[in-house]
Amino acid sequence: MRAVLMAAGVGSRISREISKPKSLLDVGGGKTLIRHTVELLMSHGIDVTIVVGYKKELFFEELKGLPVEFVINPFYRVSNSVASLWFARESLKEDTDYLFGNADVFFEEDILKLLLDCPEETVLLSDTRRAKEGDYLFGLENGYIRKYGKELPMEDRDCEYVGFGKVKRSYMKRFVEIMEEMVDTENYQTWWEVILYDHCMEQPVKALDVAPFFWSEIDYIEDYMRIVDYARKQ
């Protein structure tokens, strides 16, 4: 298994308050978020590719000595995570299971175990505890994603997207084909998850609930402080 982490972006919502990529913030004990995630993945035998762009040298320095593959998205200011994934296309093999995720997401080990144990071909982590106030929402049918977006009507909301998912090798060929089609048609200013969203009727995508475990995506300084508080208590 290989994990591909998207870490190229600037993080515009929090960049006014911090001067470095948010996944390089200390989440407790002198350990950065990106190192926490990489070491957690590697402890489960998962190879790691990280797509960097903004202040990429800081990532090289932070992860020095770890067997991480780096890929550079030089157009990180004018593209989004689907373009980052496209730059990592040489790492996408049809005989490998993949985890894909945003590098600014902190999650505890129990969530990783939950994702690894899920038998579904395509799955995205979700949280039913944040169905009403979440940032990006899913509407489900029998546990599978049918509606999605930031502005879903309240009655259609079942859970919030966590920022991490899995694609098994049986779907990787089609996954890469869709990604290539998107970039070929200049649809590179969207998220990598759209590869799954736009084809969820063709290929059902399981929404795997992470409750009651802890996670947080860092969009605002309050998110970061919540992680630090959790880590301190642990």
Foldseek 3Di string as FASTA:
>chain_A
DAEEEEQAADLVLACVPDPAGQQQDDLDPRAGLLRVVCVLCVVVVYAYEYEYEVVVVVVCVNCPPPRYHYFYDPPRVPFEALSSVVSVVVVQDLQFKYKYFYSQKDFDNVLVVLQVPDPAQKEFEWAQVCQQPEQKFFFDDPQWGDDIGRDDPSVRGRTHTRTMMIHGSVCRVVLVVLSVVCVVVVVGRDHSCVSCVVCCVVGTYGHHHPPPTDMFGDNHVVRSVVSSVVRVVD
